[in-house]
Amino acid sequence: MKDQERDILRKTILELIKKGHVHYTDIEKKTVATCLHFATSNTVRKQFYRYLLTNGYIERVSRGIYKITQKGEKLLEILT
């Protein structure tokens, strides 16, 4: 996956969480639908868990429910 595609995935995920789409399954479905040709459930999962959650850009509120952090807001500004 190219850096540009990764950035688009990350931006899309962060925007969805910020707009109130906080359930992982909802985020995954909408991201795959938005980033048509390169997004799959697997690529979304990797960016979501291995990058955004691990690095503190999003945080888990309860099971399957996430919110964007201040660090995530800053990343979103950079990606926009």
N, C-alpha and C. Protein backbone atom coordinates (compact mmCIF):
# COMPACT_ATOMS: atom_id res chain seq x y z
N MET A 1 0.85 -1.18 0.00
CA MET A 1 0.00 0.00 0.00
C MET A 1 0.89 1.24 0.00
N LYS A 2 0.53 2.19 -0.82
CA LYS A 2 1.30 3.44 -0.94
C LYS A 2 1.00 4.36 0.24
N ASP A 3 1.96 5.25 0.52
CA ASP A 3 1.79 6.21 1.62
C ASP A 3 0.55 7.07 1.43
N GLN A 4 0.29 7.48 0.20
CA GLN A 4 -0.88 8.33 -0.08
C GLN A 4 -2.18 7.59 0.25
N GLU A 5 -2.24 6.31 -0.10
CA GLU A 5 -3.44 5.52 0.19
C GLU A 5 -3.60 5.33 1.69
N ARG A 6 -2.50 5.11 2.39
CA ARG A 6 -2.55 4.98 3.85
C ARG A 6 -3.08 6.26 4.47
N ASP A 7 -2.59 7.40 4.01
CA ASP A 7 -3.04 8.69 4.53
C ASP A 7 -4.53 8.91 4.28
N ILE A 8 -5.01 8.52 3.10
CA ILE A 8 -6.43 8.66 2.79
C ILE A 8 -7.26 7.79 3.72
N LEU A 9 -6.81 6.56 3.96
CA LEU A 9 -7.53 5.66 4.89
C LEU A 9 -7.57 6.26 6.29
N ARG A 10 -6.43 6.72 6.76
CA ARG A 10 -6.35 7.29 8.11
C ARG A 10 -7.25 8.51 8.23
N LYS A 11 -7.20 9.38 7.23
CA LYS A 11 -8.03 10.59 7.24
C LYS A 11 -9.51 10.22 7.25
N THR A 12 -9.89 9.27 6.41
CA THR A 12 -11.29 8.86 6.33
C THR A 12 -11.78 8.28 7.66
N ILE A 13 -10.97 7.43 8.28
CA ILE A 13 -11.33 6.83 9.57
C ILE A 13 -11.50 7.92 10.63
N LEU A 14 -10.53 8.84 10.71
CA LEU A 14 -10.60 9.91 11.70
C LEU A 14 -11.80 10.81 11.48
N GLU A 15 -12.09 11.14 10.23
CA GLU A 15 -13.25 11.99 9.93
C GLU A 15 -14.55 11.31 10.35
N LEU A 16 -14.67 10.01 10.08
CA LEU A 16 -15.88 9.28 10.46
C LEU A 16 -16.06 9.26 11.97
N ILE A 17 -14.99 9.03 12.70
CA ILE A 17 -15.08 9.00 14.16
C ILE A 17 -15.46 10.38 14.68
N LYS A 18 -14.86 11.41 14.11
CA LYS A 18 -15.14 12.78 14.54
C LYS A 18 -16.60 13.15 14.29
N LYS A 19 -17.19 12.65 13.20
CA LYS A 19 -18.58 12.95 12.85
C LYS A 19 -19.57 12.15 13.70
N GLY A 20 -19.07 11.22 14.49
CA GLY A 20 -19.96 10.49 15.37
C GLY A 20 -20.18 9.04 14.99
N HIS A 21 -19.51 8.56 13.94
CA HIS A 21 -19.58 7.14 13.59
C HIS A 21 -18.56 6.42 14.47
N VAL A 22 -19.00 5.98 15.61
CA VAL A 22 -18.06 5.51 16.63
C VAL A 22 -17.96 3.99 16.75
N HIS A 23 -18.84 3.24 16.13
CA HIS A 23 -18.77 1.77 16.18
C HIS A 23 -17.81 1.28 15.11
N TYR A 24 -16.92 0.37 15.48
CA TYR A 24 -15.90 -0.10 14.54
C TYR A 24 -16.51 -0.65 13.26
N THR A 25 -17.55 -1.46 13.36
CA THR A 25 -18.14 -2.06 12.15
C THR A 25 -18.70 -0.98 11.21
N ASP A 26 -19.29 0.05 11.77
CA ASP A 26 -19.80 1.17 10.98
C ASP A 26 -18.64 1.89 10.28
N ILE A 27 -17.58 2.13 11.02
CA ILE A 27 -16.40 2.81 10.48
C ILE A 27 -15.79 1.98 9.34
N GLU A 28 -15.65 0.69 9.57
CA GLU A 28 -15.06 -0.19 8.57
C GLU A 28 -15.88 -0.19 7.27
N LYS A 29 -17.19 -0.37 7.39
CA LYS A 29 -18.05 -0.41 6.20
C LYS A 29 -18.01 0.89 5.42
N LYS A 30 -18.10 2.01 6.13
CA LYS A 30 -18.10 3.32 5.45
C LYS A 30 -16.74 3.63 4.84
N THR A 31 -15.67 3.23 5.47
CA THR A 31 -14.33 3.46 4.92
C THR A 31 -14.12 2.63 3.66
N VAL A 32 -14.50 1.37 3.68
CA VAL A 32 -14.36 0.52 2.50
C VAL A 32 -15.20 1.08 1.35
N ALA A 33 -16.39 1.59 1.65
CA ALA A 33 -17.26 2.15 0.62
C ALA A 33 -16.69 3.46 0.06
N THR A 34 -16.01 4.25 0.90
CA THR A 34 -15.47 5.54 0.48
C THR A 34 -14.18 5.39 -0.32
N CYS A 35 -13.29 4.55 0.14
CA CYS A 35 -11.97 4.38 -0.48
C CYS A 35 -11.99 3.15 -1.40
N LEU A 36 -12.82 3.20 -2.39
CA LEU A 36 -13.18 2.07 -3.23
C LEU A 36 -12.08 1.09 -3.63
N HIS A 37 -11.16 1.51 -4.45
CA HIS A 37 -10.28 0.53 -5.09
C HIS A 37 -9.17 -0.04 -4.22
N PHE A 38 -8.79 0.62 -3.15
CA PHE A 38 -7.67 0.09 -2.37
C PHE A 38 -8.02 -0.29 -0.94
N ALA A 39 -9.21 0.03 -0.48
CA ALA A 39 -9.58 -0.28 0.91
C ALA A 39 -10.29 -1.62 0.99
N THR A 40 -9.83 -2.43 1.89
CA THR A 40 -10.49 -3.70 2.19
C THR A 40 -10.68 -3.75 3.70
N SER A 41 -11.45 -4.69 4.16
CA SER A 41 -11.63 -4.84 5.62
C SER A 41 -10.28 -5.01 6.31
N ASN A 42 -9.38 -5.74 5.67
CA ASN A 42 -8.08 -6.00 6.26
C ASN A 42 -7.22 -4.73 6.33
N THR A 43 -7.19 -3.93 5.26
CA THR A 43 -6.38 -2.71 5.28
C THR A 43 -6.95 -1.69 6.27
N VAL A 44 -8.26 -1.62 6.38
CA VAL A 44 -8.89 -0.72 7.35
C VAL A 44 -8.53 -1.17 8.76
N ARG A 45 -8.64 -2.46 9.03
CA ARG A 45 -8.32 -3.01 10.35
C ARG A 45 -6.88 -2.69 10.74
N LYS A 46 -5.95 -2.87 9.79
CA LYS A 46 -4.54 -2.60 10.09
C LYS A 46 -4.33 -1.13 10.45
N GLN A 47 -4.88 -0.24 9.67
CA GLN A 47 -4.71 1.19 9.96
C GLN A 47 -5.40 1.56 11.27
N PHE A 48 -6.56 1.00 11.50
CA PHE A 48 -7.34 1.32 12.69
C PHE A 48 -6.62 0.85 13.96
N TYR A 49 -6.31 -0.43 14.02
CA TYR A 49 -5.73 -0.99 15.24
C TYR A 49 -4.22 -0.80 15.34
N ARG A 50 -3.52 -1.14 14.28
CA ARG A 50 -2.05 -1.12 14.35
C ARG A 50 -1.47 0.28 14.31
N TYR A 51 -2.18 1.23 13.72
CA TYR A 51 -1.61 2.58 13.64
C TYR A 51 -2.36 3.57 14.53
N LEU A 52 -3.64 3.80 14.24
CA LEU A 52 -4.37 4.87 14.93
C LEU A 52 -4.57 4.57 16.42
N LEU A 53 -4.99 3.36 16.76
CA LEU A 53 -5.23 3.02 18.17
C LEU A 53 -3.91 2.87 18.93
N THR A 54 -2.96 2.17 18.36
CA THR A 54 -1.67 1.93 19.02
C THR A 54 -0.92 3.23 19.29
N ASN A 55 -1.02 4.19 18.38
CA ASN A 55 -0.29 5.45 18.53
C ASN A 55 -1.08 6.55 19.23
N GLY A 56 -2.27 6.23 19.72
CA GLY A 56 -3.02 7.18 20.54
C GLY A 56 -3.81 8.23 19.78
N TYR A 57 -4.09 7.99 18.49
CA TYR A 57 -4.89 8.94 17.71
C TYR A 57 -6.39 8.74 17.96
N ILE A 58 -6.75 7.54 18.35
CA ILE A 58 -8.12 7.23 18.75
C ILE A 58 -8.04 6.44 20.04
N GLU A 59 -9.13 6.40 20.77
CA GLU A 59 -9.14 5.59 21.99
C GLU A 59 -10.47 4.86 22.10
N ARG A 60 -10.38 3.73 22.76
CA ARG A 60 -11.56 2.90 22.97
C ARG A 60 -12.35 3.43 24.16
N VAL A 61 -13.64 3.68 23.94
CA VAL A 61 -14.52 4.17 25.01
C VAL A 61 -15.15 2.97 25.72
N SER A 62 -15.66 2.05 24.93
CA SER A 62 -16.18 0.78 25.43
C SER A 62 -16.08 -0.22 24.29
N ARG A 63 -16.57 -1.41 24.49
CA ARG A 63 -16.41 -2.46 23.48
C ARG A 63 -16.96 -2.03 22.12
N GLY A 64 -16.05 -1.94 21.13
CA GLY A 64 -16.44 -1.61 19.77
C GLY A 64 -16.71 -0.14 19.53
N ILE A 65 -16.55 0.70 20.55
CA ILE A 65 -16.86 2.13 20.42
C ILE A 65 -15.59 2.95 20.65
N TYR A 66 -15.33 3.88 19.73
CA TYR A 66 -14.08 4.64 19.75
C TYR A 66 -14.34 6.13 19.61
N LYS A 67 -13.35 6.92 20.06
CA LYS A 67 -13.44 8.37 19.87
C LYS A 67 -12.06 8.89 19.48
N ILE A 68 -12.05 10.03 18.83
CA ILE A 68 -10.80 10.65 18.40
C ILE A 68 -10.19 11.39 19.59
N THR A 69 -8.87 11.37 19.69
CA THR A 69 -8.16 12.06 20.77
C THR A 69 -7.66 13.41 20.25
N GLN A 70 -7.09 14.22 21.14
CA GLN A 70 -6.51 15.50 20.72
C GLN A 70 -5.37 15.26 19.72
N LYS A 71 -4.59 14.22 19.98
CA LYS A 71 -3.51 13.85 19.07
C LYS A 71 -4.09 13.49 17.70
N GLY A 72 -5.22 12.80 17.70
CA GLY A 72 -5.90 12.44 16.46
C GLY A 72 -6.43 13.65 15.71
N GLU A 73 -6.92 14.63 16.46
CA GLU A 73 -7.40 15.88 15.85
C GLU A 73 -6.25 16.58 15.13
N LYS A 74 -5.07 16.58 15.74
CA LYS A 74 -3.90 17.22 15.13
C LYS A 74 -3.49 16.48 13.86
N LEU A 75 -3.50 15.14 13.91
CA LEU A 75 -3.17 14.35 12.73
C LEU A 75 -4.17 14.63 11.60
N LEU A 76 -5.43 14.73 11.95
CA LEU A 76 -6.47 15.01 10.95
C LEU A 76 -6.23 16.36 10.28
N GLU A 77 -5.82 17.36 11.06
CA GLU A 77 -5.50 18.67 10.49
C GLU A 77 -4.35 18.56 9.50
N ILE A 78 -3.34 17.78 9.84
CA ILE A 78 -2.18 17.60 8.97
C ILE A 78 -2.59 16.89 7.67
N LEU A 79 -3.44 15.89 7.78
CA LEU A 79 -3.85 15.11 6.62
C LEU A 79 -4.85 15.85 5.72
N THR A 80 -5.47 16.90 6.26
CA THR A 80 -6.49 17.63 5.49
C THR A 80 -5.92 18.72 4.65
